[in-house]
Amino acid sequence: MDEYTWPTRPEVLAAGEVRRSWAATAAALPVGSRITGEVVGRQPFGVFLRIEGVPEAVALAEITAMPLGMDLPALGALVRGQVLCHADHVRQVRVRLDEWRAADE
């Protein structure tokens, strides 16, 4: 199996559903809020997360926020972090993971 996967599991919403629920997602996850989520996809640029309590959300933790020398979390890993911003054009919540923040400090 390839190390990188797209978030295609059944519990991940289709793009149309994510688009329709974007206003509610952004309201539920304001910048600075704390999240817990499951890694549902991995790409060389970061990991996609399904956020607990906000099933319509698609979150992305990009490697630009990851310290050098760290690895991306594995598929299925439970992670915690903080909402950095909303990428309205792609309807994603951008997140910085706690494990990355701790490694920087």
N, C-alpha and C. Protein backbone atom coordinates (compact mmCIF):
# COMPACT_ATOMS: atom_id res chain seq x y z
N MET A 1 0.83 -1.18 0.00
CA MET A 1 0.00 0.00 0.00
C MET A 1 0.88 1.24 0.00
N ASP A 2 0.47 2.24 -0.75
CA ASP A 2 1.17 3.51 -0.82
C ASP A 2 1.10 4.21 0.54
N GLU A 3 2.15 4.88 0.89
CA GLU A 3 2.19 5.60 2.16
C GLU A 3 1.19 6.76 2.18
N TYR A 4 0.86 7.31 1.02
CA TYR A 4 -0.03 8.46 0.93
C TYR A 4 -1.41 8.04 0.44
N THR A 5 -2.44 8.59 1.08
CA THR A 5 -3.81 8.27 0.70
C THR A 5 -4.66 9.54 0.75
N TRP A 6 -5.72 9.56 -0.04
CA TRP A 6 -6.70 10.63 0.01
C TRP A 6 -7.79 10.23 0.98
N PRO A 7 -8.47 11.19 1.59
CA PRO A 7 -9.54 10.86 2.53
C PRO A 7 -10.79 10.37 1.79
N THR A 8 -10.92 9.08 1.62
CA THR A 8 -12.03 8.52 0.86
C THR A 8 -12.86 7.52 1.65
N ARG A 9 -12.59 7.40 2.92
CA ARG A 9 -13.34 6.44 3.73
C ARG A 9 -14.81 6.83 3.79
N PRO A 10 -15.70 5.89 4.03
CA PRO A 10 -17.14 6.18 4.01
C PRO A 10 -17.59 7.28 4.97
N GLU A 11 -16.90 7.44 6.08
CA GLU A 11 -17.33 8.46 7.04
C GLU A 11 -16.89 9.87 6.66
N VAL A 12 -16.13 10.02 5.58
CA VAL A 12 -15.71 11.34 5.11
C VAL A 12 -16.76 11.81 4.10
N LEU A 13 -17.28 13.00 4.32
CA LEU A 13 -18.34 13.52 3.46
C LEU A 13 -17.86 13.81 2.05
N ALA A 14 -18.78 13.75 1.10
CA ALA A 14 -18.50 14.11 -0.28
C ALA A 14 -18.30 15.62 -0.37
N ALA A 15 -17.63 16.06 -1.43
CA ALA A 15 -17.32 17.48 -1.61
C ALA A 15 -18.57 18.36 -1.58
N GLY A 16 -19.65 17.91 -2.19
CA GLY A 16 -20.88 18.70 -2.20
C GLY A 16 -21.43 18.93 -0.81
N GLU A 17 -21.36 17.91 0.03
CA GLU A 17 -21.84 18.04 1.41
C GLU A 17 -20.96 18.99 2.20
N VAL A 18 -19.65 18.91 1.99
CA VAL A 18 -18.72 19.82 2.66
C VAL A 18 -19.01 21.25 2.25
N ARG A 19 -19.24 21.48 0.96
CA ARG A 19 -19.53 22.81 0.43
C ARG A 19 -20.82 23.37 1.04
N ARG A 20 -21.88 22.56 1.08
CA ARG A 20 -23.17 23.02 1.60
C ARG A 20 -23.10 23.34 3.10
N SER A 21 -22.25 22.68 3.83
CA SER A 21 -22.20 22.87 5.28
C SER A 21 -21.06 23.81 5.71
N TRP A 22 -20.39 24.46 4.76
CA TRP A 22 -19.22 25.26 5.10
C TRP A 22 -19.50 26.36 6.12
N ALA A 23 -20.59 27.11 5.97
CA ALA A 23 -20.88 28.20 6.91
C ALA A 23 -21.02 27.66 8.34
N ALA A 24 -21.72 26.54 8.50
CA ALA A 24 -21.89 25.94 9.82
C ALA A 24 -20.55 25.42 10.36
N THR A 25 -19.73 24.86 9.48
CA THR A 25 -18.42 24.34 9.90
C THR A 25 -17.55 25.48 10.42
N ALA A 26 -17.46 26.57 9.66
CA ALA A 26 -16.63 27.71 10.06
C ALA A 26 -17.13 28.31 11.37
N ALA A 27 -18.43 28.35 11.56
CA ALA A 27 -18.99 28.88 12.81
C ALA A 27 -18.69 27.97 13.99
N ALA A 28 -18.71 26.66 13.77
CA ALA A 28 -18.47 25.70 14.84
C ALA A 28 -17.00 25.61 15.24
N LEU A 29 -16.11 26.01 14.33
CA LEU A 29 -14.67 25.88 14.56
C LEU A 29 -13.96 27.23 14.35
N PRO A 30 -14.20 28.19 15.23
CA PRO A 30 -13.55 29.50 15.06
C PRO A 30 -12.03 29.39 15.21
N VAL A 31 -11.34 30.33 14.61
CA VAL A 31 -9.88 30.39 14.72
C VAL A 31 -9.51 30.42 16.20
N GLY A 32 -8.55 29.60 16.56
CA GLY A 32 -8.09 29.50 17.94
C GLY A 32 -8.72 28.37 18.72
N SER A 33 -9.80 27.77 18.18
CA SER A 33 -10.46 26.70 18.92
C SER A 33 -9.61 25.43 18.92
N ARG A 34 -9.79 24.65 19.96
CA ARG A 34 -9.06 23.39 20.13
C ARG A 34 -9.86 22.27 19.48
N ILE A 35 -9.17 21.35 18.81
CA ILE A 35 -9.85 20.24 18.14
C ILE A 35 -9.18 18.92 18.49
N THR A 36 -9.94 17.86 18.34
CA THR A 36 -9.43 16.49 18.36
C THR A 36 -9.95 15.86 17.08
N GLY A 37 -9.10 15.13 16.39
CA GLY A 37 -9.54 14.52 15.15
C GLY A 37 -8.77 13.26 14.81
N GLU A 38 -9.30 12.55 13.82
CA GLU A 38 -8.67 11.33 13.33
C GLU A 38 -8.06 11.60 11.96
N VAL A 39 -6.86 11.12 11.75
CA VAL A 39 -6.20 11.25 10.46
C VAL A 39 -6.91 10.31 9.47
N VAL A 40 -7.51 10.91 8.43
CA VAL A 40 -8.26 10.12 7.44
C VAL A 40 -7.62 10.15 6.06
N GLY A 41 -6.55 10.91 5.91
CA GLY A 41 -5.82 10.95 4.65
C GLY A 41 -4.44 11.53 4.86
N ARG A 42 -3.48 11.05 4.06
CA ARG A 42 -2.10 11.54 4.15
C ARG A 42 -1.62 11.88 2.75
N GLN A 43 -0.95 13.00 2.64
CA GLN A 43 -0.32 13.43 1.40
C GLN A 43 1.04 14.03 1.74
N PRO A 44 1.92 14.18 0.76
CA PRO A 44 3.24 14.75 1.07
C PRO A 44 3.15 16.15 1.68
N PHE A 45 2.05 16.86 1.47
CA PHE A 45 1.91 18.23 1.97
C PHE A 45 1.21 18.31 3.33
N GLY A 46 0.71 17.17 3.87
CA GLY A 46 0.07 17.21 5.18
C GLY A 46 -0.93 16.08 5.38
N VAL A 47 -1.72 16.19 6.46
CA VAL A 47 -2.72 15.17 6.76
C VAL A 47 -4.11 15.80 6.81
N PHE A 48 -5.09 15.02 6.35
CA PHE A 48 -6.49 15.42 6.43
C PHE A 48 -7.08 14.81 7.69
N LEU A 49 -7.95 15.58 8.35
CA LEU A 49 -8.53 15.15 9.61
C LEU A 49 -10.05 15.20 9.56
N ARG A 50 -10.67 14.23 10.23
CA ARG A 50 -12.10 14.29 10.53
C ARG A 50 -12.17 14.74 11.97
N ILE A 51 -12.86 15.84 12.21
CA ILE A 51 -12.86 16.46 13.53
C ILE A 51 -14.03 15.94 14.36
N GLU A 52 -13.71 15.54 15.59
CA GLU A 52 -14.75 15.06 16.50
C GLU A 52 -15.77 16.15 16.74
N GLY A 53 -17.04 15.77 16.69
CA GLY A 53 -18.12 16.70 16.97
C GLY A 53 -18.54 17.58 15.82
N VAL A 54 -17.77 17.57 14.72
CA VAL A 54 -18.10 18.38 13.54
C VAL A 54 -17.86 17.49 12.32
N PRO A 55 -18.73 16.52 12.10
CA PRO A 55 -18.48 15.51 11.06
C PRO A 55 -18.45 16.07 9.64
N GLU A 56 -19.04 17.24 9.42
CA GLU A 56 -19.02 17.82 8.08
C GLU A 56 -17.72 18.57 7.78
N ALA A 57 -16.86 18.72 8.75
CA ALA A 57 -15.61 19.46 8.58
C ALA A 57 -14.54 18.63 7.90
N VAL A 58 -13.75 19.28 7.08
CA VAL A 58 -12.52 18.71 6.53
C VAL A 58 -11.40 19.61 7.04
N ALA A 59 -10.47 19.04 7.77
CA ALA A 59 -9.36 19.81 8.29
C ALA A 59 -8.07 19.34 7.64
N LEU A 60 -7.13 20.26 7.52
CA LEU A 60 -5.83 19.94 6.96
C LEU A 60 -4.75 20.49 7.87
N ALA A 61 -3.84 19.62 8.27
CA ALA A 61 -2.64 20.02 8.99
C ALA A 61 -1.51 19.94 7.99
N GLU A 62 -1.02 21.10 7.54
CA GLU A 62 0.00 21.15 6.49
C GLU A 62 1.40 21.02 7.07
N ILE A 63 2.31 20.49 6.25
CA ILE A 63 3.69 20.32 6.70
C ILE A 63 4.39 21.65 6.93
N THR A 64 3.83 22.75 6.41
CA THR A 64 4.44 24.05 6.66
C THR A 64 4.41 24.38 8.15
N ALA A 65 3.53 23.72 8.91
CA ALA A 65 3.45 23.93 10.35
C ALA A 65 4.17 22.83 11.13
N MET A 66 4.80 21.90 10.41
CA MET A 66 5.45 20.75 11.05
C MET A 66 6.95 21.02 11.21
N PRO A 67 7.49 20.82 12.41
CA PRO A 67 8.93 21.02 12.61
C PRO A 67 9.75 20.04 11.77
N LEU A 68 10.95 20.47 11.40
CA LEU A 68 11.86 19.60 10.66
C LEU A 68 12.16 18.34 11.45
N GLY A 69 12.25 17.23 10.76
CA GLY A 69 12.61 15.98 11.39
C GLY A 69 11.44 15.19 11.95
N MET A 70 10.24 15.75 11.92
CA MET A 70 9.07 15.02 12.41
C MET A 70 8.41 14.27 11.27
N ASP A 71 7.66 13.25 11.59
CA ASP A 71 6.91 12.48 10.61
C ASP A 71 5.44 12.84 10.68
N LEU A 72 4.75 12.64 9.56
CA LEU A 72 3.30 12.82 9.55
C LEU A 72 2.66 11.74 10.41
N PRO A 73 1.58 12.06 11.11
CA PRO A 73 0.87 11.02 11.87
C PRO A 73 0.31 9.96 10.93
N ALA A 74 0.16 8.75 11.42
CA ALA A 74 -0.33 7.62 10.63
C ALA A 74 -1.84 7.73 10.41
N LEU A 75 -2.30 7.06 9.37
CA LEU A 75 -3.74 6.95 9.14
C LEU A 75 -4.39 6.34 10.38
N GLY A 76 -5.51 6.90 10.78
CA GLY A 76 -6.22 6.40 11.94
C GLY A 76 -5.76 6.98 13.26
N ALA A 77 -4.64 7.72 13.27
CA ALA A 77 -4.14 8.30 14.52
C ALA A 77 -5.10 9.35 15.03
N LEU A 78 -5.27 9.42 16.33
CA LEU A 78 -6.06 10.45 16.98
C LEU A 78 -5.10 11.57 17.36
N VAL A 79 -5.40 12.79 16.90
CA VAL A 79 -4.51 13.93 17.13
C VAL A 79 -5.30 15.09 17.72
N ARG A 80 -4.57 16.01 18.32
CA ARG A 80 -5.17 17.22 18.88
C ARG A 80 -4.43 18.41 18.30
N GLY A 81 -5.13 19.54 18.25
CA GLY A 81 -4.50 20.74 17.72
C GLY A 81 -5.37 21.96 17.90
N GLN A 82 -5.00 23.00 17.14
CA GLN A 82 -5.68 24.28 17.22
C GLN A 82 -5.97 24.78 15.81
N VAL A 83 -7.16 25.36 15.63
CA VAL A 83 -7.54 25.92 14.34
C VAL A 83 -6.71 27.18 14.09
N LEU A 84 -5.99 27.19 12.95
CA LEU A 84 -5.17 28.34 12.57
C LEU A 84 -5.94 29.32 11.71
N CYS A 85 -6.72 28.79 10.76
CA CYS A 85 -7.46 29.65 9.84
C CYS A 85 -8.48 28.82 9.08
N HIS A 86 -9.32 29.52 8.33
CA HIS A 86 -10.28 28.87 7.43
C HIS A 86 -9.86 29.18 6.00
N ALA A 87 -9.73 28.16 5.18
CA ALA A 87 -9.43 28.34 3.76
C ALA A 87 -10.76 28.26 3.01
N ASP A 88 -11.44 29.40 2.92
CA ASP A 88 -12.78 29.44 2.34
C ASP A 88 -12.82 28.91 0.91
N HIS A 89 -11.80 29.19 0.12
CA HIS A 89 -11.81 28.80 -1.29
C HIS A 89 -11.83 27.28 -1.49
N VAL A 90 -11.32 26.52 -0.52
CA VAL A 90 -11.36 25.05 -0.61
C VAL A 90 -12.17 24.43 0.52
N ARG A 91 -12.78 25.31 1.34
CA ARG A 91 -13.63 24.88 2.45
C ARG A 91 -12.93 23.90 3.39
N GLN A 92 -11.75 24.33 3.82
CA GLN A 92 -10.95 23.54 4.75
C GLN A 92 -10.65 24.35 5.99
N VAL A 93 -10.59 23.65 7.09
CA VAL A 93 -10.12 24.22 8.34
C VAL A 93 -8.65 23.85 8.45
N ARG A 94 -7.79 24.85 8.59
CA ARG A 94 -6.35 24.58 8.71
C ARG A 94 -6.00 24.49 10.19
N VAL A 95 -5.22 23.47 10.51
CA VAL A 95 -4.93 23.12 11.91
C VAL A 95 -3.43 22.97 12.11
N ARG A 96 -2.97 23.36 13.28
CA ARG A 96 -1.60 23.03 13.70
C ARG A 96 -1.71 22.02 14.82
N LEU A 97 -1.05 20.90 14.66
CA LEU A 97 -1.13 19.82 15.64
C LEU A 97 -0.30 20.13 16.88
N ASP A 98 -0.81 19.70 18.03
CA ASP A 98 -0.11 19.92 19.30
C ASP A 98 1.28 19.28 19.30
N GLU A 99 1.40 18.08 18.72
CA GLU A 99 2.71 17.41 18.72
C GLU A 99 3.75 18.22 17.96
N TRP A 100 3.29 18.98 16.96
CA TRP A 100 4.21 19.83 16.20
C TRP A 100 4.59 21.06 17.01
N ARG A 101 3.63 21.62 17.75
CA ARG A 101 3.89 22.80 18.57
C ARG A 101 4.87 22.43 19.69
N ALA A 102 4.67 21.29 20.32
CA ALA A 102 5.52 20.86 21.43
C ALA A 102 6.97 20.66 20.95
N ALA A 103 7.14 20.17 19.73
CA ALA A 103 8.49 19.94 19.20
C ALA A 103 9.22 21.25 18.91
N ASP A 104 8.47 22.31 18.66
CA ASP A 104 9.06 23.64 18.38
C ASP A 104 9.53 24.34 19.65
N GLU A 105 8.93 23.96 20.78
CA GLU A 105 9.19 24.69 22.01
C GLU A 105 10.42 24.19 22.73
